[in-house]
ModelCIF file with pLDDT and N, C-alpha, C, O atoms, coordinates in Angstrom:
data_MODEL
#
_entry.id   MODEL 
#
_entity.id                         1 
_entity.type                       polymer 
_entity.pdbx_number_of_molecules   1 
#
_entity_poly.entity_id                      1 
_entity_poly.type                           'polypeptide(L)' 
_entity_poly.nstd_linkage                   no 
_entity_poly.nstd_monomer                   no 
_entity_poly.pdbx_seq_one_letter_code       VYVPHNEVVLPEESRIRGEHIAEYAKSMDDEEKNAKFANYIRCGLS 
_entity_poly.pdbx_seq_one_letter_code_can   VYVPHNEVVLPEESRIRGEHIAEYAKSMDDEEKNAKFANYIRCGLS 
_entity_poly.pdbx_strand_id                 A 
#
loop_
_entity_poly_seq.entity_id 
_entity_poly_seq.num 
_entity_poly_seq.mon_id 
_entity_poly_seq.hetero 
1 1  VAL n 
1 2  TYR n 
1 3  VAL n 
1 4  PRO n 
1 5  HIS n 
1 6  ASN n 
1 7  GLU n 
1 8  VAL n 
1 9  VAL n 
1 10 LEU n 
1 11 PRO n 
1 12 GLU n 
1 13 GLU n 
1 14 SER n 
1 15 ARG n 
1 16 ILE n 
1 17 ARG n 
1 18 GLY n 
1 19 GLU n 
1 20 HIS n 
1 21 ILE n 
1 22 ALA n 
1 23 GLU n 
1 24 TYR n 
1 25 ALA n 
1 26 LYS n 
1 27 SER n 
1 28 MET n 
1 29 ASP n 
1 30 ASP n 
1 31 GLU n 
1 32 GLU n 
1 33 LYS n 
1 34 ASN n 
1 35 ALA n 
1 36 LYS n 
1 37 PHE n 
1 38 ALA n 
1 39 ASN n 
1 40 TYR n 
1 41 ILE n 
1 42 ARG n 
1 43 CYS n 
1 44 GLY n 
1 45 LEU n 
1 46 SER n 
#
_struct_asym.id          A 
_struct_asym.entity_id   1 
#
loop_
_ma_qa_metric.id 
_ma_qa_metric.mode 
_ma_qa_metric.name 
_ma_qa_metric.software_group_id 
_ma_qa_metric.type 
1 global pLDDT . pLDDT 
2 local  pLDDT . pLDDT 
#
_ma_qa_metric_global.metric_id      1 
_ma_qa_metric_global.metric_value   93.41 
_ma_qa_metric_global.model_id       1 
_ma_qa_metric_global.ordinal_id     1 
#
loop_
_ma_qa_metric_local.label_asym_id 
_ma_qa_metric_local.label_comp_id 
_ma_qa_metric_local.label_seq_id 
_ma_qa_metric_local.metric_id 
_ma_qa_metric_local.metric_value 
_ma_qa_metric_local.model_id 
_ma_qa_metric_local.ordinal_id 
A VAL 1  2 97.00 1 1  
A TYR 2  2 97.00 1 2  
A VAL 3  2 96.00 1 3  
A PRO 4  2 94.00 1 4  
A HIS 5  2 94.00 1 5  
A ASN 6  2 94.00 1 6  
A GLU 7  2 95.00 1 7  
A VAL 8  2 96.00 1 8  
A VAL 9  2 96.00 1 9  
A LEU 10 2 97.00 1 10 
A PRO 11 2 96.00 1 11 
A GLU 12 2 95.00 1 12 
A GLU 13 2 96.00 1 13 
A SER 14 2 95.00 1 14 
A ARG 15 2 95.00 1 15 
A ILE 16 2 97.00 1 16 
A ARG 17 2 96.00 1 17 
A GLY 18 2 95.00 1 18 
A GLU 19 2 96.00 1 19 
A HIS 20 2 93.00 1 20 
A ILE 21 2 93.00 1 21 
A ALA 22 2 94.00 1 22 
A GLU 23 2 95.00 1 23 
A TYR 24 2 94.00 1 24 
A ALA 25 2 93.00 1 25 
A LYS 26 2 92.00 1 26 
A SER 27 2 93.00 1 27 
A MET 28 2 93.00 1 28 
A ASP 29 2 92.00 1 29 
A ASP 30 2 90.00 1 30 
A GLU 31 2 92.00 1 31 
A GLU 32 2 93.00 1 32 
A LYS 33 2 92.00 1 33 
A ASN 34 2 90.00 1 34 
A ALA 35 2 92.00 1 35 
A LYS 36 2 91.00 1 36 
A PHE 37 2 92.00 1 37 
A ALA 38 2 91.00 1 38 
A ASN 39 2 89.00 1 39 
A TYR 40 2 90.00 1 40 
A ILE 41 2 91.00 1 41 
A ARG 42 2 91.00 1 42 
A CYS 43 2 89.00 1 43 
A GLY 44 2 91.00 1 44 
A LEU 45 2 92.00 1 45 
A SER 46 2 92.00 1 46 
#
loop_
_atom_site.group_PDB 
_atom_site.id 
_atom_site.type_symbol 
_atom_site.label_atom_id 
_atom_site.label_alt_id 
_atom_site.label_comp_id 
_atom_site.label_asym_id 
_atom_site.label_entity_id 
_atom_site.label_seq_id 
_atom_site.pdbx_PDB_ins_code 
_atom_site.Cartn_x 
_atom_site.Cartn_y 
_atom_site.Cartn_z 
_atom_site.occupancy 
_atom_site.B_iso_or_equiv 
_atom_site.pdbx_formal_charge 
_atom_site.auth_seq_id 
_atom_site.auth_comp_id 
_atom_site.auth_asym_id 
_atom_site.auth_atom_id 
_atom_site.pdbx_PDB_model_num 
ATOM 1   N N  . VAL A 1 1  ? 5.341  -56.960 51.505 1.00 97.00 ? 1  VAL A N  1 
ATOM 2   C CA . VAL A 1 1  ? 6.034  -57.269 52.504 1.00 97.00 ? 1  VAL A CA 1 
ATOM 3   C C  . VAL A 1 1  ? 5.720  -56.583 53.564 1.00 97.00 ? 1  VAL A C  1 
ATOM 4   O O  . VAL A 1 1  ? 5.706  -55.359 53.431 1.00 97.00 ? 1  VAL A O  1 
ATOM 5   N N  . TYR A 1 2  ? 5.378  -57.176 54.914 1.00 97.00 ? 2  TYR A N  1 
ATOM 6   C CA . TYR A 1 2  ? 4.987  -56.624 56.225 1.00 97.00 ? 2  TYR A CA 1 
ATOM 7   C C  . TYR A 1 2  ? 6.292  -56.039 56.894 1.00 97.00 ? 2  TYR A C  1 
ATOM 8   O O  . TYR A 1 2  ? 7.112  -56.926 57.136 1.00 97.00 ? 2  TYR A O  1 
ATOM 9   N N  . VAL A 1 3  ? 6.605  -55.036 57.176 1.00 96.00 ? 3  VAL A N  1 
ATOM 10  C CA . VAL A 1 3  ? 7.655  -54.570 58.244 1.00 96.00 ? 3  VAL A CA 1 
ATOM 11  C C  . VAL A 1 3  ? 7.063  -53.718 58.916 1.00 96.00 ? 3  VAL A C  1 
ATOM 12  O O  . VAL A 1 3  ? 6.456  -52.787 58.387 1.00 96.00 ? 3  VAL A O  1 
ATOM 13  N N  . PRO A 1 4  ? 7.153  -53.924 60.414 1.00 94.00 ? 4  PRO A N  1 
ATOM 14  C CA . PRO A 1 4  ? 6.841  -53.016 61.420 1.00 94.00 ? 4  PRO A CA 1 
ATOM 15  C C  . PRO A 1 4  ? 7.445  -51.438 61.304 1.00 94.00 ? 4  PRO A C  1 
ATOM 16  O O  . PRO A 1 4  ? 8.653  -51.202 61.270 1.00 94.00 ? 4  PRO A O  1 
ATOM 17  N N  . HIS A 1 5  ? 6.402  -50.411 61.248 1.00 94.00 ? 5  HIS A N  1 
ATOM 18  C CA . HIS A 1 5  ? 7.069  -49.191 60.984 1.00 94.00 ? 5  HIS A CA 1 
ATOM 19  C C  . HIS A 1 5  ? 6.007  -48.018 61.648 1.00 94.00 ? 5  HIS A C  1 
ATOM 20  O O  . HIS A 1 5  ? 4.920  -48.319 62.143 1.00 94.00 ? 5  HIS A O  1 
ATOM 21  N N  . ASN A 1 6  ? 6.427  -46.920 61.579 1.00 94.00 ? 6  ASN A N  1 
ATOM 22  C CA . ASN A 1 6  ? 5.819  -45.576 61.899 1.00 94.00 ? 6  ASN A CA 1 
ATOM 23  C C  . ASN A 1 6  ? 5.654  -44.963 60.535 1.00 94.00 ? 6  ASN A C  1 
ATOM 24  O O  . ASN A 1 6  ? 6.669  -44.821 59.852 1.00 94.00 ? 6  ASN A O  1 
ATOM 25  N N  . GLU A 1 7  ? 4.373  -44.549 60.018 1.00 95.00 ? 7  GLU A N  1 
ATOM 26  C CA . GLU A 1 7  ? 4.093  -44.125 58.691 1.00 95.00 ? 7  GLU A CA 1 
ATOM 27  C C  . GLU A 1 7  ? 4.682  -42.581 58.679 1.00 95.00 ? 7  GLU A C  1 
ATOM 28  O O  . GLU A 1 7  ? 4.661  -42.052 57.568 1.00 95.00 ? 7  GLU A O  1 
ATOM 29  N N  . VAL A 1 8  ? 5.122  -41.912 59.597 1.00 96.00 ? 8  VAL A N  1 
ATOM 30  C CA . VAL A 1 8  ? 5.445  -40.744 59.694 1.00 96.00 ? 8  VAL A CA 1 
ATOM 31  C C  . VAL A 1 8  ? 6.990  -40.595 58.994 1.00 96.00 ? 8  VAL A C  1 
ATOM 32  O O  . VAL A 1 8  ? 7.442  -39.563 58.499 1.00 96.00 ? 8  VAL A O  1 
ATOM 33  N N  . VAL A 1 9  ? 7.602  -41.778 59.080 1.00 96.00 ? 9  VAL A N  1 
ATOM 34  C CA . VAL A 1 9  ? 9.079  -41.715 58.620 1.00 96.00 ? 9  VAL A CA 1 
ATOM 35  C C  . VAL A 1 9  ? 9.191  -42.108 57.096 1.00 96.00 ? 9  VAL A C  1 
ATOM 36  O O  . VAL A 1 9  ? 10.287 -42.439 56.643 1.00 96.00 ? 9  VAL A O  1 
ATOM 37  N N  . LEU A 1 10 ? 7.962  -42.069 56.233 1.00 97.00 ? 10 LEU A N  1 
ATOM 38  C CA . LEU A 1 10 ? 7.909  -42.568 55.142 1.00 97.00 ? 10 LEU A CA 1 
ATOM 39  C C  . LEU A 1 10 ? 8.032  -41.109 54.175 1.00 97.00 ? 10 LEU A C  1 
ATOM 40  O O  . LEU A 1 10 ? 7.353  -40.146 54.533 1.00 97.00 ? 10 LEU A O  1 
ATOM 41  N N  . PRO A 1 11 ? 8.677  -41.019 53.280 1.00 96.00 ? 11 PRO A N  1 
ATOM 42  C CA . PRO A 1 11 ? 8.637  -39.704 52.295 1.00 96.00 ? 11 PRO A CA 1 
ATOM 43  C C  . PRO A 1 11 ? 7.606  -39.665 51.413 1.00 96.00 ? 11 PRO A C  1 
ATOM 44  O O  . PRO A 1 11 ? 7.179  -40.710 50.923 1.00 96.00 ? 11 PRO A O  1 
ATOM 45  N N  . GLU A 1 12 ? 7.108  -38.516 51.120 1.00 95.00 ? 12 GLU A N  1 
ATOM 46  C CA . GLU A 1 12 ? 5.950  -38.471 50.198 1.00 95.00 ? 12 GLU A CA 1 
ATOM 47  C C  . GLU A 1 12 ? 5.984  -39.053 48.866 1.00 95.00 ? 12 GLU A C  1 
ATOM 48  O O  . GLU A 1 12 ? 7.021  -39.131 48.206 1.00 95.00 ? 12 GLU A O  1 
ATOM 49  N N  . GLU A 1 13 ? 4.626  -39.539 48.396 1.00 96.00 ? 13 GLU A N  1 
ATOM 50  C CA . GLU A 1 13 ? 4.776  -40.086 47.181 1.00 96.00 ? 13 GLU A CA 1 
ATOM 51  C C  . GLU A 1 13 ? 5.271  -39.305 45.889 1.00 96.00 ? 13 GLU A C  1 
ATOM 52  O O  . GLU A 1 13 ? 5.953  -39.782 44.982 1.00 96.00 ? 13 GLU A O  1 
ATOM 53  N N  . SER A 1 14 ? 4.867  -38.219 45.974 1.00 95.00 ? 14 SER A N  1 
ATOM 54  C CA . SER A 1 14 ? 5.303  -37.220 44.990 1.00 95.00 ? 14 SER A CA 1 
ATOM 55  C C  . SER A 1 14 ? 6.922  -37.121 45.021 1.00 95.00 ? 14 SER A C  1 
ATOM 56  O O  . SER A 1 14 ? 7.507  -36.957 43.950 1.00 95.00 ? 14 SER A O  1 
ATOM 57  N N  . ARG A 1 15 ? 7.589  -37.210 46.121 1.00 95.00 ? 15 ARG A N  1 
ATOM 58  C CA . ARG A 1 15 ? 8.948  -36.988 45.994 1.00 95.00 ? 15 ARG A CA 1 
ATOM 59  C C  . ARG A 1 15 ? 9.655  -38.427 45.586 1.00 95.00 ? 15 ARG A C  1 
ATOM 60  O O  . ARG A 1 15 ? 10.735 -38.433 44.996 1.00 95.00 ? 15 ARG A O  1 
ATOM 61  N N  . ILE A 1 16 ? 8.952  -39.670 45.952 1.00 97.00 ? 16 ILE A N  1 
ATOM 62  C CA . ILE A 1 16 ? 9.473  -40.665 45.544 1.00 97.00 ? 16 ILE A CA 1 
ATOM 63  C C  . ILE A 1 16 ? 9.334  -40.965 43.814 1.00 97.00 ? 16 ILE A C  1 
ATOM 64  O O  . ILE A 1 16 ? 10.143 -41.617 43.154 1.00 97.00 ? 16 ILE A O  1 
ATOM 65  N N  . ARG A 1 17 ? 8.225  -40.376 43.356 1.00 96.00 ? 17 ARG A N  1 
ATOM 66  C CA . ARG A 1 17 ? 8.247  -40.323 41.878 1.00 96.00 ? 17 ARG A CA 1 
ATOM 67  C C  . ARG A 1 17 ? 8.936  -39.388 41.264 1.00 96.00 ? 17 ARG A C  1 
ATOM 68  O O  . ARG A 1 17 ? 8.946  -39.383 40.033 1.00 96.00 ? 17 ARG A O  1 
ATOM 69  N N  . GLY A 1 18 ? 9.534  -38.566 41.884 1.00 95.00 ? 18 GLY A N  1 
ATOM 70  C CA . GLY A 1 18 ? 10.446 -37.574 41.234 1.00 95.00 ? 18 GLY A CA 1 
ATOM 71  C C  . GLY A 1 18 ? 9.631  -36.359 40.548 1.00 95.00 ? 18 GLY A C  1 
ATOM 72  O O  . GLY A 1 18 ? 9.941  -35.863 39.464 1.00 95.00 ? 18 GLY A O  1 
ATOM 73  N N  . GLU A 1 19 ? 8.571  -35.969 41.329 1.00 96.00 ? 19 GLU A N  1 
ATOM 74  C CA . GLU A 1 19 ? 7.827  -34.982 40.550 1.00 96.00 ? 19 GLU A CA 1 
ATOM 75  C C  . GLU A 1 19 ? 8.344  -33.371 41.008 1.00 96.00 ? 19 GLU A C  1 
ATOM 76  O O  . GLU A 1 19 ? 8.150  -32.364 40.326 1.00 96.00 ? 19 GLU A O  1 
ATOM 77  N N  . HIS A 1 20 ? 8.965  -33.414 42.182 1.00 93.00 ? 20 HIS A N  1 
ATOM 78  C CA . HIS A 1 20 ? 9.656  -32.331 42.446 1.00 93.00 ? 20 HIS A CA 1 
ATOM 79  C C  . HIS A 1 20 ? 10.732 -31.910 41.551 1.00 93.00 ? 20 HIS A C  1 
ATOM 80  O O  . HIS A 1 20 ? 10.885 -30.719 41.282 1.00 93.00 ? 20 HIS A O  1 
ATOM 81  N N  . ILE A 1 21 ? 11.657 -33.033 40.971 1.00 93.00 ? 21 ILE A N  1 
ATOM 82  C CA . ILE A 1 21 ? 12.290 -32.886 40.062 1.00 93.00 ? 21 ILE A CA 1 
ATOM 83  C C  . ILE A 1 21 ? 11.774 -32.024 38.742 1.00 93.00 ? 21 ILE A C  1 
ATOM 84  O O  . ILE A 1 21 ? 12.085 -30.916 38.306 1.00 93.00 ? 21 ILE A O  1 
ATOM 85  N N  . ALA A 1 22 ? 10.924 -32.959 38.346 1.00 94.00 ? 22 ALA A N  1 
ATOM 86  C CA . ALA A 1 22 ? 10.273 -32.442 37.163 1.00 94.00 ? 22 ALA A CA 1 
ATOM 87  C C  . ALA A 1 22 ? 9.544  -30.927 37.083 1.00 94.00 ? 22 ALA A C  1 
ATOM 88  O O  . ALA A 1 22 ? 9.518  -30.254 36.053 1.00 94.00 ? 22 ALA A O  1 
ATOM 89  N N  . GLU A 1 23 ? 8.979  -30.537 38.324 1.00 95.00 ? 23 GLU A N  1 
ATOM 90  C CA . GLU A 1 23 ? 8.475  -29.198 38.367 1.00 95.00 ? 23 GLU A CA 1 
ATOM 91  C C  . GLU A 1 23 ? 9.880  -28.267 38.236 1.00 95.00 ? 23 GLU A C  1 
ATOM 92  O O  . GLU A 1 23 ? 9.969  -27.333 37.438 1.00 95.00 ? 23 GLU A O  1 
ATOM 93  N N  . TYR A 1 24 ? 10.849 -28.636 39.058 1.00 94.00 ? 24 TYR A N  1 
ATOM 94  C CA . TYR A 1 24 ? 11.926 -27.607 39.035 1.00 94.00 ? 24 TYR A CA 1 
ATOM 95  C C  . TYR A 1 24 ? 12.433 -27.493 37.549 1.00 94.00 ? 24 TYR A C  1 
ATOM 96  O O  . TYR A 1 24 ? 12.631 -26.357 37.117 1.00 94.00 ? 24 TYR A O  1 
ATOM 97  N N  . ALA A 1 25 ? 12.650 -28.536 36.761 1.00 93.00 ? 25 ALA A N  1 
ATOM 98  C CA . ALA A 1 25 ? 13.047 -28.701 35.406 1.00 93.00 ? 25 ALA A CA 1 
ATOM 99  C C  . ALA A 1 25 ? 12.448 -27.816 34.674 1.00 93.00 ? 25 ALA A C  1 
ATOM 100 O O  . ALA A 1 25 ? 13.085 -27.048 33.954 1.00 93.00 ? 25 ALA A O  1 
ATOM 101 N N  . LYS A 1 26 ? 11.014 -27.806 34.770 1.00 92.00 ? 26 LYS A N  1 
ATOM 102 C CA . LYS A 1 26 ? 10.057 -26.936 33.919 1.00 92.00 ? 26 LYS A CA 1 
ATOM 103 C C  . LYS A 1 26 ? 10.301 -25.359 34.333 1.00 92.00 ? 26 LYS A C  1 
ATOM 104 O O  . LYS A 1 26 ? 10.213 -24.515 33.441 1.00 92.00 ? 26 LYS A O  1 
ATOM 105 N N  . SER A 1 27 ? 10.542 -25.044 35.392 1.00 93.00 ? 27 SER A N  1 
ATOM 106 C CA . SER A 1 27 ? 10.820 -23.589 35.747 1.00 93.00 ? 27 SER A CA 1 
ATOM 107 C C  . SER A 1 27 ? 12.142 -23.003 35.216 1.00 93.00 ? 27 SER A C  1 
ATOM 108 O O  . SER A 1 27 ? 12.415 -21.844 35.530 1.00 93.00 ? 27 SER A O  1 
ATOM 109 N N  . MET A 1 28 ? 13.092 -23.800 34.338 1.00 93.00 ? 28 MET A N  1 
ATOM 110 C CA . MET A 1 28 ? 14.383 -23.581 33.922 1.00 93.00 ? 28 MET A CA 1 
ATOM 111 C C  . MET A 1 28 ? 14.261 -23.344 32.294 1.00 93.00 ? 28 MET A C  1 
ATOM 112 O O  . MET A 1 28 ? 13.514 -23.980 31.552 1.00 93.00 ? 28 MET A O  1 
ATOM 113 N N  . ASP A 1 29 ? 15.072 -22.394 31.944 1.00 92.00 ? 29 ASP A N  1 
ATOM 114 C CA . ASP A 1 29 ? 15.278 -22.316 30.486 1.00 92.00 ? 29 ASP A CA 1 
ATOM 115 C C  . ASP A 1 29 ? 16.165 -23.454 30.034 1.00 92.00 ? 29 ASP A C  1 
ATOM 116 O O  . ASP A 1 29 ? 16.986 -23.953 30.803 1.00 92.00 ? 29 ASP A O  1 
ATOM 117 N N  . ASP A 1 30 ? 15.999 -23.875 28.759 1.00 90.00 ? 30 ASP A N  1 
ATOM 118 C CA . ASP A 1 30 ? 16.755 -24.987 28.176 1.00 90.00 ? 30 ASP A CA 1 
ATOM 119 C C  . ASP A 1 30 ? 18.494 -24.921 28.773 1.00 90.00 ? 30 ASP A C  1 
ATOM 120 O O  . ASP A 1 30 ? 19.155 -25.873 29.189 1.00 90.00 ? 30 ASP A O  1 
ATOM 121 N N  . GLU A 1 31 ? 18.873 -23.641 28.657 1.00 92.00 ? 31 GLU A N  1 
ATOM 122 C CA . GLU A 1 31 ? 20.418 -23.561 28.650 1.00 92.00 ? 31 GLU A CA 1 
ATOM 123 C C  . GLU A 1 31 ? 20.732 -24.014 30.165 1.00 92.00 ? 31 GLU A C  1 
ATOM 124 O O  . GLU A 1 31 ? 21.795 -24.578 30.428 1.00 92.00 ? 31 GLU A O  1 
ATOM 125 N N  . GLU A 1 32 ? 19.820 -23.760 31.090 1.00 93.00 ? 32 GLU A N  1 
ATOM 126 C CA . GLU A 1 32 ? 19.896 -23.981 32.564 1.00 93.00 ? 32 GLU A CA 1 
ATOM 127 C C  . GLU A 1 32 ? 19.841 -25.360 32.824 1.00 93.00 ? 32 GLU A C  1 
ATOM 128 O O  . GLU A 1 32 ? 20.601 -25.988 33.561 1.00 93.00 ? 32 GLU A O  1 
ATOM 129 N N  . LYS A 1 33 ? 18.735 -25.865 32.063 1.00 92.00 ? 33 LYS A N  1 
ATOM 130 C CA . LYS A 1 33 ? 18.262 -27.400 32.375 1.00 92.00 ? 33 LYS A CA 1 
ATOM 131 C C  . LYS A 1 33 ? 19.440 -28.245 31.951 1.00 92.00 ? 33 LYS A C  1 
ATOM 132 O O  . LYS A 1 33 ? 19.862 -29.198 32.605 1.00 92.00 ? 33 LYS A O  1 
ATOM 133 N N  . ASN A 1 34 ? 20.007 -27.759 30.642 1.00 90.00 ? 34 ASN A N  1 
ATOM 134 C CA . ASN A 1 34 ? 20.981 -28.872 30.288 1.00 90.00 ? 34 ASN A CA 1 
ATOM 135 C C  . ASN A 1 34 ? 22.099 -28.735 31.153 1.00 90.00 ? 34 ASN A C  1 
ATOM 136 O O  . ASN A 1 34 ? 22.828 -29.725 31.099 1.00 90.00 ? 34 ASN A O  1 
ATOM 137 N N  . ALA A 1 35 ? 22.373 -28.105 31.706 1.00 92.00 ? 35 ALA A N  1 
ATOM 138 C CA . ALA A 1 35 ? 23.629 -27.784 32.672 1.00 92.00 ? 35 ALA A CA 1 
ATOM 139 C C  . ALA A 1 35 ? 23.346 -28.534 33.854 1.00 92.00 ? 35 ALA A C  1 
ATOM 140 O O  . ALA A 1 35 ? 24.129 -29.374 34.299 1.00 92.00 ? 35 ALA A O  1 
ATOM 141 N N  . LYS A 1 36 ? 22.120 -28.220 34.432 1.00 91.00 ? 36 LYS A N  1 
ATOM 142 C CA . LYS A 1 36 ? 21.917 -28.755 35.905 1.00 91.00 ? 36 LYS A CA 1 
ATOM 143 C C  . LYS A 1 36 ? 21.598 -30.268 35.625 1.00 91.00 ? 36 LYS A C  1 
ATOM 144 O O  . LYS A 1 36 ? 22.058 -31.043 36.464 1.00 91.00 ? 36 LYS A O  1 
ATOM 145 N N  . PHE A 1 37 ? 20.805 -30.884 34.465 1.00 92.00 ? 37 PHE A N  1 
ATOM 146 C CA . PHE A 1 37 ? 20.554 -32.208 34.478 1.00 92.00 ? 37 PHE A CA 1 
ATOM 147 C C  . PHE A 1 37 ? 21.294 -32.908 33.088 1.00 92.00 ? 37 PHE A C  1 
ATOM 148 O O  . PHE A 1 37 ? 20.755 -33.583 32.211 1.00 92.00 ? 37 PHE A O  1 
ATOM 149 N N  . ALA A 1 38 ? 22.792 -32.473 33.228 1.00 91.00 ? 38 ALA A N  1 
ATOM 150 C CA . ALA A 1 38 ? 23.393 -33.034 32.034 1.00 91.00 ? 38 ALA A CA 1 
ATOM 151 C C  . ALA A 1 38 ? 23.827 -34.672 32.299 1.00 91.00 ? 38 ALA A C  1 
ATOM 152 O O  . ALA A 1 38 ? 24.236 -35.305 31.326 1.00 91.00 ? 38 ALA A O  1 
ATOM 153 N N  . ASN A 1 39 ? 23.734 -35.324 33.591 1.00 89.00 ? 39 ASN A N  1 
ATOM 154 C CA . ASN A 1 39 ? 23.819 -36.514 33.588 1.00 89.00 ? 39 ASN A CA 1 
ATOM 155 C C  . ASN A 1 39 ? 22.462 -37.276 33.190 1.00 89.00 ? 39 ASN A C  1 
ATOM 156 O O  . ASN A 1 39 ? 22.420 -38.386 32.658 1.00 89.00 ? 39 ASN A O  1 
ATOM 157 N N  . TYR A 1 40 ? 21.448 -36.543 33.516 1.00 90.00 ? 40 TYR A N  1 
ATOM 158 C CA . TYR A 1 40 ? 20.086 -37.575 33.084 1.00 90.00 ? 40 TYR A CA 1 
ATOM 159 C C  . TYR A 1 40 ? 19.823 -37.216 31.623 1.00 90.00 ? 40 TYR A C  1 
ATOM 160 O O  . TYR A 1 40 ? 19.256 -38.044 30.909 1.00 90.00 ? 40 TYR A O  1 
ATOM 161 N N  . ILE A 1 41 ? 20.199 -36.038 31.137 1.00 91.00 ? 41 ILE A N  1 
ATOM 162 C CA . ILE A 1 41 ? 19.936 -35.940 29.562 1.00 91.00 ? 41 ILE A CA 1 
ATOM 163 C C  . ILE A 1 41 ? 20.932 -36.824 28.898 1.00 91.00 ? 41 ILE A C  1 
ATOM 164 O O  . ILE A 1 41 ? 20.519 -37.482 27.943 1.00 91.00 ? 41 ILE A O  1 
ATOM 165 N N  . ARG A 1 42 ? 22.302 -36.957 29.285 1.00 91.00 ? 42 ARG A N  1 
ATOM 166 C CA . ARG A 1 42 ? 23.392 -37.697 28.626 1.00 91.00 ? 42 ARG A CA 1 
ATOM 167 C C  . ARG A 1 42 ? 22.752 -39.202 28.582 1.00 91.00 ? 42 ARG A C  1 
ATOM 168 O O  . ARG A 1 42 ? 22.865 -39.829 27.529 1.00 91.00 ? 42 ARG A O  1 
ATOM 169 N N  . CYS A 1 43 ? 22.041 -39.835 29.764 1.00 89.00 ? 43 CYS A N  1 
ATOM 170 C CA . CYS A 1 43 ? 21.371 -41.192 29.726 1.00 89.00 ? 43 CYS A CA 1 
ATOM 171 C C  . CYS A 1 43 ? 20.125 -41.102 28.640 1.00 89.00 ? 43 CYS A C  1 
ATOM 172 O O  . CYS A 1 43 ? 19.629 -42.157 28.245 1.00 89.00 ? 43 CYS A O  1 
ATOM 173 N N  . GLY A 1 44 ? 19.742 -40.130 28.275 1.00 91.00 ? 44 GLY A N  1 
ATOM 174 C CA . GLY A 1 44 ? 18.500 -40.411 27.570 1.00 91.00 ? 44 GLY A CA 1 
ATOM 175 C C  . GLY A 1 44 ? 17.258 -40.052 28.103 1.00 91.00 ? 44 GLY A C  1 
ATOM 176 O O  . GLY A 1 44 ? 16.213 -40.217 27.474 1.00 91.00 ? 44 GLY A O  1 
ATOM 177 N N  . LEU A 1 45 ? 17.317 -39.496 29.402 1.00 92.00 ? 45 LEU A N  1 
ATOM 178 C CA . LEU A 1 45 ? 16.035 -39.174 30.059 1.00 92.00 ? 45 LEU A CA 1 
ATOM 179 C C  . LEU A 1 45 ? 16.051 -37.462 30.383 1.00 92.00 ? 45 LEU A C  1 
ATOM 180 O O  . LEU A 1 45 ? 16.941 -36.809 30.928 1.00 92.00 ? 45 LEU A O  1 
ATOM 181 N N  . SER A 1 46 ? 14.780 -37.020 29.859 1.00 92.00 ? 46 SER A N  1 
ATOM 182 C CA . SER A 1 46 ? 14.613 -35.888 30.368 1.00 92.00 ? 46 SER A CA 1 
ATOM 183 C C  . SER A 1 46 ? 14.079 -35.588 31.742 1.00 92.00 ? 46 SER A C  1 
ATOM 184 O O  . SER A 1 46 ? 13.965 -34.422 32.120 1.00 92.00 ? 46 SER A O  1 
#
């Protein structure tokens, strides 16, 4: 769909895909990750 806009306002593709969350989770140990992302894990999503 065409919507007039300025490209500078759009977020980066990596952030849209959640890559920053995945990288952050990889830096944690299991206990910390389970506490920080409990809602995701409870829904079946690592």
